[in-house]
Amino acid sequence: MLFKFKSQVTSDLIMLEGDGRRLLKIMLGHDPDKGIILVKDLPAAIAKLESAVAQDEAARLHRSQEAKRALAPKDSPQDAFGEALNPVRLAQRASPMLKMLKHCVADPADMVWGV
């Protein structure tokens, strides 16, 4: 399944289900198949998403530093808990959504999906 986010002031944003649900959970606390974020609620959604990106970047940096300390030169790049570091950061997934949301704030328009 794909998520298609729409607004009257931007192009459509299409995301894979997992990525779309992850961003919706961050912004709304849940991940409905259909919905709307009203213009008045956009700044809060942007703040939540930017905060989550900053936390993810800090956690990735910490895990990377821990993994470097724990690795012997011949080991594979894994964190201290044995999990492979995901090469795709939340910042990369969230960037198109943040751009869309900021356009919706600048030129007031709601964002909808699943309709």
PDB file of N, CA and C in Angstrom:
ATOM      1  N   MET A   1       0.839  -1.177   0.000  1.00  0.00           N
ATOM      2  CA  MET A   1       0.000   0.000   0.000  1.00  0.00           C
ATOM      3  C   MET A   1       0.889   1.246   0.000  1.00  0.00           C
ATOM      4  N   LEU A   2       0.405   2.268  -0.655  1.00  0.00           N
ATOM      5  CA  LEU A   2       1.094   3.546  -0.687  1.00  0.00           C
ATOM      6  C   LEU A   2       0.267   4.602   0.025  1.00  0.00           C
ATOM      7  N   PHE A   3       0.936   5.571   0.579  1.00  0.00           N
ATOM      8  CA  PHE A   3       0.265   6.741   1.135  1.00  0.00           C
ATOM      9  C   PHE A   3       0.457   7.884   0.149  1.00  0.00           C
ATOM     10  N   LYS A   4      -0.630   8.568  -0.163  1.00  0.00           N
ATOM     11  CA  LYS A   4      -0.568   9.726  -1.044  1.00  0.00           C
ATOM     12  C   LYS A   4      -1.038  10.929  -0.244  1.00  0.00           C
ATOM     13  N   PHE A   5      -0.102  11.828   0.043  1.00  0.00           N
ATOM     14  CA  PHE A   5      -0.403  13.046   0.785  1.00  0.00           C
ATOM     15  C   PHE A   5      -0.667  14.151  -0.233  1.00  0.00           C
ATOM     16  N   LYS A   6      -1.749  14.914  -0.003  1.00  0.00           N
ATOM     17  CA  LYS A   6      -2.162  15.934  -0.960  1.00  0.00           C
ATOM     18  C   LYS A   6      -2.383  17.271  -0.273  1.00  0.00           C
ATOM     19  N   SER A   7      -2.196  18.309  -1.056  1.00  0.00           N
ATOM     20  CA  SER A   7      -2.494  19.667  -0.624  1.00  0.00           C
ATOM     21  C   SER A   7      -2.779  20.484  -1.872  1.00  0.00           C
ATOM     22  N   GLN A   8      -3.524  21.547  -1.698  1.00  0.00           N
ATOM     23  CA  GLN A   8      -3.841  22.404  -2.841  1.00  0.00           C
ATOM     24  C   GLN A   8      -2.660  23.261  -3.267  1.00  0.00           C
ATOM     25  N   VAL A   9      -1.638  23.386  -2.426  1.00  0.00           N
ATOM     26  CA  VAL A   9      -0.512  24.279  -2.738  1.00  0.00           C
ATOM     27  C   VAL A   9       0.779  23.545  -3.090  1.00  0.00           C
ATOM     28  N   THR A  10       0.760  22.215  -3.077  1.00  0.00           N
ATOM     29  CA  THR A  10       1.964  21.446  -3.393  1.00  0.00           C
ATOM     30  C   THR A  10       1.619  20.284  -4.320  1.00  0.00           C
ATOM     31  N   SER A  11       2.641  19.674  -4.839  1.00  0.00           N
ATOM     32  CA  SER A  11       2.464  18.427  -5.583  1.00  0.00           C
ATOM     33  C   SER A  11       2.143  17.319  -4.590  1.00  0.00           C
ATOM     34  N   ASP A  12       1.590  16.229  -5.087  1.00  0.00           N
ATOM     35  CA  ASP A  12       1.321  15.085  -4.224  1.00  0.00           C
ATOM     36  C   ASP A  12       2.634  14.480  -3.745  1.00  0.00           C
ATOM     37  N   LEU A  13       2.602  13.937  -2.540  1.00  0.00           N
ATOM     38  CA  LEU A  13       3.752  13.249  -1.963  1.00  0.00           C
ATOM     39  C   LEU A  13       3.343  11.795  -1.756  1.00  0.00           C
ATOM     40  N   ILE A  14       4.038  10.890  -2.423  1.00  0.00           N
ATOM     41  CA  ILE A  14       3.711   9.469  -2.334  1.00  0.00           C
ATOM     42  C   ILE A  14       4.817   8.772  -1.553  1.00  0.00           C
ATOM     43  N   MET A  15       4.399   7.987  -0.551  1.00  0.00           N
ATOM     44  CA  MET A  15       5.349   7.258   0.291  1.00  0.00           C
ATOM     45  C   MET A  15       4.907   5.813   0.436  1.00  0.00           C
ATOM     46  N   LEU A  16       5.883   4.950   0.659  1.00  0.00           N
ATOM     47  CA  LEU A  16       5.565   3.570   1.001  1.00  0.00           C
ATOM     48  C   LEU A  16       4.838   3.549   2.334  1.00  0.00           C
ATOM     49  N   GLU A  17       4.034   2.532   2.535  1.00  0.00           N
ATOM     50  CA  GLU A  17       3.197   2.456   3.727  1.00  0.00           C
ATOM     51  C   GLU A  17       3.993   2.576   5.023  1.00  0.00           C
ATOM     52  N   GLY A  18       5.077   1.853   5.144  1.00  0.00           N
ATOM     53  CA  GLY A  18       5.863   1.874   6.384  1.00  0.00           C
ATOM     54  C   GLY A  18       6.387   3.261   6.717  1.00  0.00           C
ATOM     55  N   ASP A  19       6.898   3.949   5.714  1.00  0.00           N
ATOM     56  CA  ASP A  19       7.428   5.293   5.932  1.00  0.00           C
ATOM     57  C   ASP A  19       6.313   6.279   6.255  1.00  0.00           C
ATOM     58  N   GLY A  20       5.215   6.198   5.521  1.00  0.00           N
ATOM     59  CA  GLY A  20       4.080   7.083   5.774  1.00  0.00           C
ATOM     60  C   GLY A  20       3.516   6.889   7.172  1.00  0.00           C
ATOM     61  N   ARG A  21       3.346   5.643   7.569  1.00  0.00           N
ATOM     62  CA  ARG A  21       2.818   5.362   8.913  1.00  0.00           C
ATOM     63  C   ARG A  21       3.771   5.856   9.999  1.00  0.00           C
ATOM     64  N   ARG A  22       5.048   5.678   9.780  1.00  0.00           N
ATOM     65  CA  ARG A  22       6.041   6.137  10.773  1.00  0.00           C
ATOM     66  C   ARG A  22       5.935   7.650  10.970  1.00  0.00           C
ATOM     67  N   LEU A  23       5.857   8.394   9.878  1.00  0.00           N
ATOM     68  CA  LEU A  23       5.763   9.850   9.978  1.00  0.00           C
ATOM     69  C   LEU A  23       4.436  10.284  10.596  1.00  0.00           C
ATOM     70  N   LEU A  24       3.356   9.608  10.246  1.00  0.00           N
ATOM     71  CA  LEU A  24       2.058   9.951  10.832  1.00  0.00           C
ATOM     72  C   LEU A  24       2.045   9.689  12.340  1.00  0.00           C
ATOM     73  N   LYS A  25       2.652   8.579  12.762  1.00  0.00           N
ATOM     74  CA  LYS A  25       2.718   8.288  14.201  1.00  0.00           C
ATOM     75  C   LYS A  25       3.494   9.371  14.936  1.00  0.00           C
ATOM     76  N   ILE A  26       4.549   9.856  14.319  1.00  0.00           N
ATOM     77  CA  ILE A  26       5.338  10.924  14.941  1.00  0.00           C
ATOM     78  C   ILE A  26       4.507  12.197  15.046  1.00  0.00           C
ATOM     79  N   MET A  27       3.845  12.566  13.956  1.00  0.00           N
ATOM     80  CA  MET A  27       3.120  13.837  13.918  1.00  0.00           C
ATOM     81  C   MET A  27       1.807  13.813  14.691  1.00  0.00           C
ATOM     82  N   LEU A  28       1.095  12.673  14.633  1.00  0.00           N
ATOM     83  CA  LEU A  28      -0.259  12.611  15.195  1.00  0.00           C
ATOM     84  C   LEU A  28      -0.392  11.697  16.404  1.00  0.00           C
ATOM     85  N   GLY A  29       0.549  10.795  16.585  1.00  0.00           N
ATOM     86  CA  GLY A  29       0.442   9.833  17.671  1.00  0.00           C
ATOM     87  C   GLY A  29      -0.246   8.551  17.238  1.00  0.00           C
ATOM     88  N   HIS A  30      -0.812   8.534  16.046  1.00  0.00           N
ATOM     89  CA  HIS A  30      -1.425   7.338  15.473  1.00  0.00           C
ATOM     90  C   HIS A  30      -1.270   7.430  13.955  1.00  0.00           C
ATOM     91  N   ASP A  31      -1.702   6.401  13.237  1.00  0.00           N
ATOM     92  CA  ASP A  31      -1.466   6.368  11.793  1.00  0.00           C
ATOM     93  C   ASP A  31      -2.713   5.952  11.019  1.00  0.00           C
ATOM     94  N   PRO A  32      -3.712   6.824  10.947  1.00  0.00           N
ATOM     95  CA  PRO A  32      -4.938   6.475  10.230  1.00  0.00           C
ATOM     96  C   PRO A  32      -4.706   6.356   8.722  1.00  0.00           C
ATOM     97  N   ASP A  33      -5.521   5.508   8.071  1.00  0.00           N
ATOM     98  CA  ASP A  33      -5.418   5.332   6.623  1.00  0.00           C
ATOM     99  C   ASP A  33      -5.875   6.578   5.871  1.00  0.00           C
ATOM    100  N   LYS A  34      -6.798   7.321   6.459  1.00  0.00           N
ATOM    101  CA  LYS A  34      -7.306   8.549   5.858  1.00  0.00           C
ATOM    102  C   LYS A  34      -7.249   9.645   6.907  1.00  0.00           C
ATOM    103  N   GLY A  35      -7.046  10.860   6.462  1.00  0.00           N
ATOM    104  CA  GLY A  35      -7.046  11.931   7.448  1.00  0.00           C
ATOM    105  C   GLY A  35      -6.740  13.283   6.851  1.00  0.00           C
ATOM    106  N   ILE A  36      -6.682  14.237   7.747  1.00  0.00           N
ATOM    107  CA  ILE A  36      -6.414  15.615   7.383  1.00  0.00           C
ATOM    108  C   ILE A  36      -5.657  16.280   8.530  1.00  0.00           C
ATOM    109  N   ILE A  37      -4.719  17.111   8.176  1.00  0.00           N
ATOM    110  CA  ILE A  37      -4.083  17.985   9.169  1.00  0.00           C
ATOM    111  C   ILE A  37      -4.469  19.400   8.765  1.00  0.00           C
ATOM    112  N   LEU A  38      -5.215  20.038   9.624  1.00  0.00           N
ATOM    113  CA  LEU A  38      -5.683  21.392   9.351  1.00  0.00           C
ATOM    114  C   LEU A  38      -4.532  22.389   9.436  1.00  0.00           C
ATOM    115  N   VAL A  39      -4.694  23.508   8.753  1.00  0.00           N
ATOM    116  CA  VAL A  39      -3.661  24.548   8.738  1.00  0.00           C
ATOM    117  C   VAL A  39      -3.261  24.936  10.154  1.00  0.00           C
ATOM    118  N   LYS A  40      -4.224  25.059  11.050  1.00  0.00           N
ATOM    119  CA  LYS A  40      -3.921  25.479  12.427  1.00  0.00           C
ATOM    120  C   LYS A  40      -3.090  24.436  13.179  1.00  0.00           C
ATOM    121  N   ASP A  41      -3.128  23.186  12.747  1.00  0.00           N
ATOM    122  CA  ASP A  41      -2.390  22.112  13.408  1.00  0.00           C
ATOM    123  C   ASP A  41      -1.040  21.816  12.757  1.00  0.00           C
ATOM    124  N   LEU A  42      -0.765  22.437  11.628  1.00  0.00           N
ATOM    125  CA  LEU A  42       0.487  22.175  10.910  1.00  0.00           C
ATOM    126  C   LEU A  42       1.744  22.550  11.696  1.00  0.00           C
ATOM    127  N   PRO A  43       1.788  23.719  12.361  1.00  0.00           N
ATOM    128  CA  PRO A  43       3.013  24.049  13.112  1.00  0.00           C
ATOM    129  C   PRO A  43       3.366  23.007  14.184  1.00  0.00           C
ATOM    130  N   ALA A  44       2.373  22.470  14.848  1.00  0.00           N
ATOM    131  CA  ALA A  44       2.626  21.441  15.863  1.00  0.00           C
ATOM    132  C   ALA A  44       3.160  20.166  15.207  1.00  0.00           C
ATOM    133  N   ALA A  45       2.605  19.791  14.059  1.00  0.00           N
ATOM    134  CA  ALA A  45       3.072  18.597  13.343  1.00  0.00           C
ATOM    135  C   ALA A  45       4.515  18.786  12.889  1.00  0.00           C
ATOM    136  N   ILE A  46       4.834  19.978  12.392  1.00  0.00           N
ATOM    137  CA  ILE A  46       6.198  20.273  11.961  1.00  0.00           C
ATOM    138  C   ILE A  46       7.161  20.183  13.143  1.00  0.00           C
ATOM    139  N   ALA A  47       6.773  20.762  14.271  1.00  0.00           N
ATOM    140  CA  ALA A  47       7.631  20.750  15.462  1.00  0.00           C
ATOM    141  C   ALA A  47       7.888  19.318  15.935  1.00  0.00           C
ATOM    142  N   LYS A  48       6.858  18.487  15.944  1.00  0.00           N
ATOM    143  CA  LYS A  48       7.020  17.094  16.370  1.00  0.00           C
ATOM    144  C   LYS A  48       7.948  16.336  15.433  1.00  0.00           C
ATOM    145  N   LEU A  49       7.787  16.562  14.148  1.00  0.00           N
ATOM    146  CA  LEU A  49       8.617  15.864  13.174  1.00  0.00           C
ATOM    147  C   LEU A  49      10.070  16.331  13.251  1.00  0.00           C
ATOM    148  N   GLU A  50      10.280  17.628  13.373  1.00  0.00           N
ATOM    149  CA  GLU A  50      11.654  18.143  13.504  1.00  0.00           C
ATOM    150  C   GLU A  50      12.317  17.666  14.789  1.00  0.00           C
ATOM    151  N   SER A  51      11.551  17.582  15.860  1.00  0.00           N
ATOM    152  CA  SER A  51      12.086  17.079  17.129  1.00  0.00           C
ATOM    153  C   SER A  51      12.487  15.607  16.998  1.00  0.00           C
ATOM    154  N   ALA A  52      11.644  14.817  16.349  1.00  0.00           N
ATOM    155  CA  ALA A  52      11.946  13.396  16.164  1.00  0.00           C
ATOM    156  C   ALA A  52      13.186  13.213  15.298  1.00  0.00           C
ATOM    157  N   VAL A  53      13.337  14.050  14.269  1.00  0.00           N
ATOM    158  CA  VAL A  53      14.524  13.974  13.409  1.00  0.00           C
ATOM    159  C   VAL A  53      15.779  14.291  14.223  1.00  0.00           C
ATOM    160  N   ALA A  54      15.716  15.334  15.044  1.00  0.00           N
ATOM    161  CA  ALA A  54      16.867  15.708  15.872  1.00  0.00           C
ATOM    162  C   ALA A  54      17.215  14.591  16.855  1.00  0.00           C
ATOM    163  N   GLN A  55      16.211  13.979  17.474  1.00  0.00           N
ATOM    164  CA  GLN A  55      16.451  12.875  18.400  1.00  0.00           C
ATOM    165  C   GLN A  55      17.057  11.674  17.679  1.00  0.00           C
ATOM    166  N   ASP A  56      16.552  11.385  16.488  1.00  0.00           N
ATOM    167  CA  ASP A  56      17.075  10.267  15.701  1.00  0.00           C
ATOM    168  C   ASP A  56      18.528  10.501  15.317  1.00  0.00           C
ATOM    169  N   GLU A  57      18.853  11.721  14.908  1.00  0.00           N
ATOM    170  CA  GLU A  57      20.237  12.037  14.540  1.00  0.00           C
ATOM    171  C   GLU A  57      21.165  11.884  15.746  1.00  0.00           C
ATOM    172  N   ALA A  58      20.720  12.353  16.907  1.00  0.00           N
ATOM    173  CA  ALA A  58      21.533  12.226  18.120  1.00  0.00           C
ATOM    174  C   ALA A  58      21.714  10.754  18.496  1.00  0.00           C
ATOM    175  N   ALA A  59      20.651   9.963  18.394  1.00  0.00           N
ATOM    176  CA  ALA A  59      20.736   8.541  18.718  1.00  0.00           C
ATOM    177  C   ALA A  59      21.648   7.809  17.734  1.00  0.00           C
ATOM    178  N   ARG A  60      21.557   8.161  16.459  1.00  0.00           N
ATOM    179  CA  ARG A  60      22.415   7.532  15.450  1.00  0.00           C
ATOM    180  C   ARG A  60      23.889   7.850  15.720  1.00  0.00           C
ATOM    181  N   LEU A  61      24.162   9.103  16.071  1.00  0.00           N
ATOM    182  CA  LEU A  61      25.534   9.499  16.370  1.00  0.00           C
ATOM    183  C   LEU A  61      26.062   8.723  17.573  1.00  0.00           C
ATOM    184  N   HIS A  62      25.236   8.622  18.613  1.00  0.00           N
ATOM    185  CA  HIS A  62      25.632   7.890  19.821  1.00  0.00           C
ATOM    186  C   HIS A  62      25.882   6.415  19.491  1.00  0.00           C
ATOM    187  N   ARG A  63      24.953   5.783  18.750  1.00  0.00           N
ATOM    188  CA  ARG A  63      25.116   4.371  18.403  1.00  0.00           C
ATOM    189  C   ARG A  63      26.347   4.154  17.529  1.00  0.00           C
ATOM    190  N   SER A  64      26.580   5.082  16.623  1.00  0.00           N
ATOM    191  CA  SER A  64      27.749   4.974  15.757  1.00  0.00           C
ATOM    192  C   SER A  64      29.042   5.047  16.564  1.00  0.00           C
ATOM    193  N   GLN A  65      29.096   5.970  17.513  1.00  0.00           N
ATOM    194  CA  GLN A  65      30.290   6.093  18.354  1.00  0.00           C
ATOM    195  C   GLN A  65      30.485   4.863  19.217  1.00  0.00           C
ATOM    196  N   GLU A  66      29.391   4.334  19.762  1.00  0.00           N
ATOM    197  CA  GLU A  66      29.479   3.112  20.568  1.00  0.00           C
ATOM    198  C   GLU A  66      29.934   1.935  19.719  1.00  0.00           C
ATOM    199  N   ALA A  67      29.424   1.857  18.505  1.00  0.00           N
ATOM    200  CA  ALA A  67      29.794   0.751  17.622  1.00  0.00           C
ATOM    201  C   ALA A  67      31.267   0.815  17.264  1.00  0.00           C
ATOM    202  N   LYS A  68      31.785   2.010  17.036  1.00  0.00           N
ATOM    203  CA  LYS A  68      33.211   2.153  16.711  1.00  0.00           C
ATOM    204  C   LYS A  68      34.083   1.692  17.864  1.00  0.00           C
ATOM    205  N   ARG A  69      33.636   1.971  19.069  1.00  0.00           N
ATOM    206  CA  ARG A  69      34.407   1.543  20.245  1.00  0.00           C
ATOM    207  C   ARG A  69      34.355   0.026  20.422  1.00  0.00           C
ATOM    208  N   ALA A  70      33.215  -0.574  20.090  1.00  0.00           N
ATOM    209  CA  ALA A  70      33.014  -1.999  20.330  1.00  0.00           C
ATOM    210  C   ALA A  70      33.562  -2.880  19.208  1.00  0.00           C
ATOM    211  N   LEU A  71      33.818  -2.303  18.037  1.00  0.00           N
ATOM    212  CA  LEU A  71      34.239  -3.108  16.887  1.00  0.00           C
ATOM    213  C   LEU A  71      35.733  -3.371  16.869  1.00  0.00           C
ATOM    214  N   ALA A  72      36.043  -4.572  16.485  1.00  0.00           N
ATOM    215  CA  ALA A  72      37.430  -4.881  16.133  1.00  0.00           C
ATOM    216  C   ALA A  72      37.556  -4.538  14.651  1.00  0.00           C
ATOM    217  N   PRO A  73      38.739  -4.315  14.147  1.00  0.00           N
ATOM    218  CA  PRO A  73      38.898  -3.911  12.749  1.00  0.00           C
ATOM    219  C   PRO A  73      38.268  -4.861  11.736  1.00  0.00           C
ATOM    220  N   LYS A  74      38.142  -6.145  12.052  1.00  0.00           N
ATOM    221  CA  LYS A  74      37.610  -7.098  11.081  1.00  0.00           C
ATOM    222  C   LYS A  74      36.090  -7.266  11.173  1.00  0.00           C
ATOM    223  N   ASP A  75      35.450  -6.680  12.174  1.00  0.00           N
ATOM    224  CA  ASP A  75      34.005  -6.843  12.352  1.00  0.00           C
ATOM    225  C   ASP A  75      33.216  -6.021  11.343  1.00  0.00           C
ATOM    226  N   SER A  76      31.935  -6.380  11.193  1.00  0.00           N
ATOM    227  CA  SER A  76      31.041  -5.634  10.292  1.00  0.00           C
ATOM    228  C   SER A  76      30.467  -4.420  11.024  1.00  0.00           C
ATOM    229  N   PRO A  77      29.972  -3.417  10.291  1.00  0.00           N
ATOM    230  CA  PRO A  77      29.454  -2.202  10.932  1.00  0.00           C
ATOM    231  C   PRO A  77      28.097  -2.441  11.599  1.00  0.00           C
ATOM    232  N   GLN A  78      28.133  -2.781  12.851  1.00  0.00           N
ATOM    233  CA  GLN A  78      26.929  -2.989  13.640  1.00  0.00           C
ATOM    234  C   GLN A  78      27.045  -2.145  14.884  1.00  0.00           C
ATOM    235  N   ASP A  79      25.894  -1.853  15.498  1.00  0.00           N
ATOM    236  CA  ASP A  79      25.970  -1.090  16.736  1.00  0.00           C
ATOM    237  C   ASP A  79      26.313  -2.022  17.892  1.00  0.00           C
ATOM    238  N   ALA A  80      26.420  -1.478  19.093  1.00  0.00           N
ATOM    239  CA  ALA A  80      26.845  -2.248  20.261  1.00  0.00           C
ATOM    240  C   ALA A  80      25.869  -3.371  20.609  1.00  0.00           C
ATOM    241  N   PHE A  81      24.645  -3.307  20.121  1.00  0.00           N
ATOM    242  CA  PHE A  81      23.641  -4.315  20.435  1.00  0.00           C
ATOM    243  C   PHE A  81      23.556  -5.378  19.342  1.00  0.00           C
ATOM    244  N   GLY A  82      24.429  -5.307  18.349  1.00  0.00           N
ATOM    245  CA  GLY A  82      24.436  -6.308  17.295  1.00  0.00           C
ATOM    246  C   GLY A  82      23.481  -6.011  16.163  1.00  0.00           C
ATOM    247  N   GLU A  83      22.817  -4.859  16.165  1.00  0.00           N
ATOM    248  CA  GLU A  83      21.887  -4.504  15.101  1.00  0.00           C
ATOM    249  C   GLU A  83      22.623  -3.688  14.050  1.00  0.00           C
ATOM    250  N   ALA A  84      22.346  -3.981  12.804  1.00  0.00           N
ATOM    251  CA  ALA A  84      22.958  -3.210  11.728  1.00  0.00           C
ATOM    252  C   ALA A  84      22.381  -1.793  11.747  1.00  0.00           C
ATOM    253  N   LEU A  85      23.250  -0.813  11.519  1.00  0.00           N
ATOM    254  CA  LEU A  85      22.790   0.566  11.454  1.00  0.00           C
ATOM    255  C   LEU A  85      22.023   0.764  10.151  1.00  0.00           C
ATOM    256  N   ASN A  86      20.819   1.312  10.244  1.00  0.00           N
ATOM    257  CA  ASN A  86      20.000   1.571   9.068  1.00  0.00           C
ATOM    258  C   ASN A  86      20.649   2.679   8.250  1.00  0.00           C
ATOM    259  N   PRO A  87      20.923   2.429   6.980  1.00  0.00           N
ATOM    260  CA  PRO A  87      21.596   3.453   6.180  1.00  0.00           C
ATOM    261  C   PRO A  87      20.699   4.641   5.829  1.00  0.00           C
ATOM    262  N   VAL A  88      19.380   4.483   5.945  1.00  0.00           N
ATOM    263  CA  VAL A  88      18.455   5.572   5.627  1.00  0.00           C
ATOM    264  C   VAL A  88      18.000   6.225   6.926  1.00  0.00           C
ATOM    265  N   ARG A  89      18.346   7.505   7.071  1.00  0.00           N
ATOM    266  CA  ARG A  89      18.017   8.235   8.284  1.00  0.00           C
ATOM    267  C   ARG A  89      16.580   8.738   8.247  1.00  0.00           C
ATOM    268  N   LEU A  90      16.014   8.986   9.421  1.00  0.00           N
ATOM    269  CA  LEU A  90      14.682   9.571   9.513  1.00  0.00           C
ATOM    270  C   LEU A  90      14.668  10.927   8.814  1.00  0.00           C
ATOM    271  N   ALA A  91      15.744  11.667   8.907  1.00  0.00           N
ATOM    272  CA  ALA A  91      15.821  12.978   8.254  1.00  0.00           C
ATOM    273  C   ALA A  91      15.597  12.859   6.748  1.00  0.00           C
ATOM    274  N   GLN A  92      16.106  11.809   6.134  1.00  0.00           N
ATOM    275  CA  GLN A  92      15.914  11.600   4.702  1.00  0.00           C
ATOM    276  C   GLN A  92      14.458  11.276   4.383  1.00  0.00           C
ATOM    277  N   ARG A  93      13.823  10.489   5.216  1.00  0.00           N
ATOM    278  CA  ARG A  93      12.420  10.131   4.998  1.00  0.00           C
ATOM    279  C   ARG A  93      11.489  11.313   5.268  1.00  0.00           C
ATOM    280  N   ALA A  94      11.846  12.122   6.254  1.00  0.00           N
ATOM    281  CA  ALA A  94      10.975  13.214   6.679  1.00  0.00           C
ATOM    282  C   ALA A  94      11.129  14.480   5.847  1.00  0.00           C
ATOM    283  N   SER A  95      12.230  14.625   5.144  1.00  0.00           N
ATOM    284  CA  SER A  95      12.499  15.859   4.411  1.00  0.00           C
ATOM    285  C   SER A  95      11.394  16.251   3.425  1.00  0.00           C
ATOM    286  N   PRO A  96      10.908  15.350   2.574  1.00  0.00           N
ATOM    287  CA  PRO A  96       9.834  15.754   1.663  1.00  0.00           C
ATOM    288  C   PRO A  96       8.552  16.149   2.407  1.00  0.00           C
ATOM    289  N   MET A  97       8.264  15.448   3.509  1.00  0.00           N
ATOM    290  CA  MET A  97       7.072  15.767   4.298  1.00  0.00           C
ATOM    291  C   MET A  97       7.215  17.140   4.941  1.00  0.00           C
ATOM    292  N   LEU A  98       8.377  17.432   5.489  1.00  0.00           N
ATOM    293  CA  LEU A  98       8.600  18.737   6.109  1.00  0.00           C
ATOM    294  C   LEU A  98       8.461  19.860   5.083  1.00  0.00           C
ATOM    295  N   LYS A  99       8.996  19.652   3.894  1.00  0.00           N
ATOM    296  CA  LYS A  99       8.857  20.659   2.838  1.00  0.00           C
ATOM    297  C   LYS A  99       7.389  20.886   2.498  1.00  0.00           C
ATOM    298  N   MET A 100       6.642  19.807   2.389  1.00  0.00           N
ATOM    299  CA  MET A 100       5.221  19.922   2.072  1.00  0.00           C
ATOM    300  C   MET A 100       4.482  20.673   3.172  1.00  0.00           C
ATOM    301  N   LEU A 101       4.732  20.296   4.412  1.00  0.00           N
ATOM    302  CA  LEU A 101       4.051  20.938   5.537  1.00  0.00           C
ATOM    303  C   LEU A 101       4.388  22.428   5.615  1.00  0.00           C
ATOM    304  N   LYS A 102       5.638  22.772   5.378  1.00  0.00           N
ATOM    305  CA  LYS A 102       6.044  24.177   5.437  1.00  0.00           C
ATOM    306  C   LYS A 102       5.413  24.993   4.309  1.00  0.00           C
ATOM    307  N   HIS A 103       5.268  24.388   3.145  1.00  0.00           N
ATOM    308  CA  HIS A 103       4.553  25.074   2.056  1.00  0.00           C
ATOM    309  C   HIS A 103       3.089  25.287   2.422  1.00  0.00           C
ATOM    310  N   CYS A 104       2.508  24.289   3.099  1.00  0.00           N
ATOM    311  CA  CYS A 104       1.101  24.398   3.509  1.00  0.00           C
ATOM    312  C   CYS A 104       0.902  25.487   4.561  1.00  0.00           C
ATOM    313  N   VAL A 105       1.916  25.758   5.363  1.00  0.00           N
ATOM    314  CA  VAL A 105       1.845  26.834   6.350  1.00  0.00           C
ATOM    315  C   VAL A 105       2.034  28.181   5.660  1.00  0.00           C
ATOM    316  N   ALA A 106       3.010  28.262   4.759  1.00  0.00           N
ATOM    317  CA  ALA A 106       3.329  29.525   4.084  1.00  0.00           C
ATOM    318  C   ALA A 106       2.175  30.009   3.211  1.00  0.00           C
ATOM    319  N   ASP A 107       1.533  29.097   2.513  1.00  0.00           N
ATOM    320  CA  ASP A 107       0.395  29.419   1.654  1.00  0.00           C
ATOM    321  C   ASP A 107      -0.769  28.587   2.190  1.00  0.00           C
ATOM    322  N   PRO A 108      -1.450  29.079   3.216  1.00  0.00           N
ATOM    323  CA  PRO A 108      -2.344  28.257   4.036  1.00  0.00           C
ATOM    324  C   PRO A 108      -3.240  27.277   3.261  1.00  0.00           C
ATOM    325  N   ALA A 109      -2.987  25.998   3.543  1.00  0.00           N
ATOM    326  CA  ALA A 109      -3.785  24.922   2.963  1.00  0.00           C
ATOM    327  C   ALA A 109      -3.657  23.690   3.859  1.00  0.00           C
ATOM    328  N   ASP A 110      -4.736  22.933   3.954  1.00  0.00           N
ATOM    329  CA  ASP A 110      -4.732  21.698   4.722  1.00  0.00           C
ATOM    330  C   ASP A 110      -3.963  20.615   3.951  1.00  0.00           C
ATOM    331  N   MET A 111      -3.498  19.601   4.671  1.00  0.00           N
ATOM    332  CA  MET A 111      -2.891  18.436   4.038  1.00  0.00           C
ATOM    333  C   MET A 111      -3.792  17.251   4.309  1.00  0.00           C
ATOM    334  N   VAL A 112      -4.076  16.477   3.279  1.00  0.00           N
ATOM    335  CA  VAL A 112      -4.941  15.295   3.409  1.00  0.00           C
ATOM    336  C   VAL A 112      -4.221  14.074   2.850  1.00  0.00           C
ATOM    337  N   TRP A 113      -4.715  12.910   3.226  1.00  0.00           N
ATOM    338  CA  TRP A 113      -4.197  11.658   2.658  1.00  0.00           C
ATOM    339  C   TRP A 113      -5.291  10.615   2.685  1.00  0.00           C
ATOM    340  N   GLY A 114      -5.168   9.635   1.786  1.00  0.00           N
ATOM    341  CA  GLY A 114      -6.101   8.536   1.730  1.00  0.00           C
ATOM    342  C   GLY A 114      -7.470   8.874   1.161  1.00  0.00           C
ATOM    343  N   VAL A 115      -7.587  10.007   0.496  1.00  0.00           N
ATOM    344  CA  VAL A 115      -8.881  10.395  -0.077  1.00  0.00           C
ATOM    345  C   VAL A 115      -8.798  10.444  -1.585  1.00  0.00           C
TER     346      VAL A 115
END
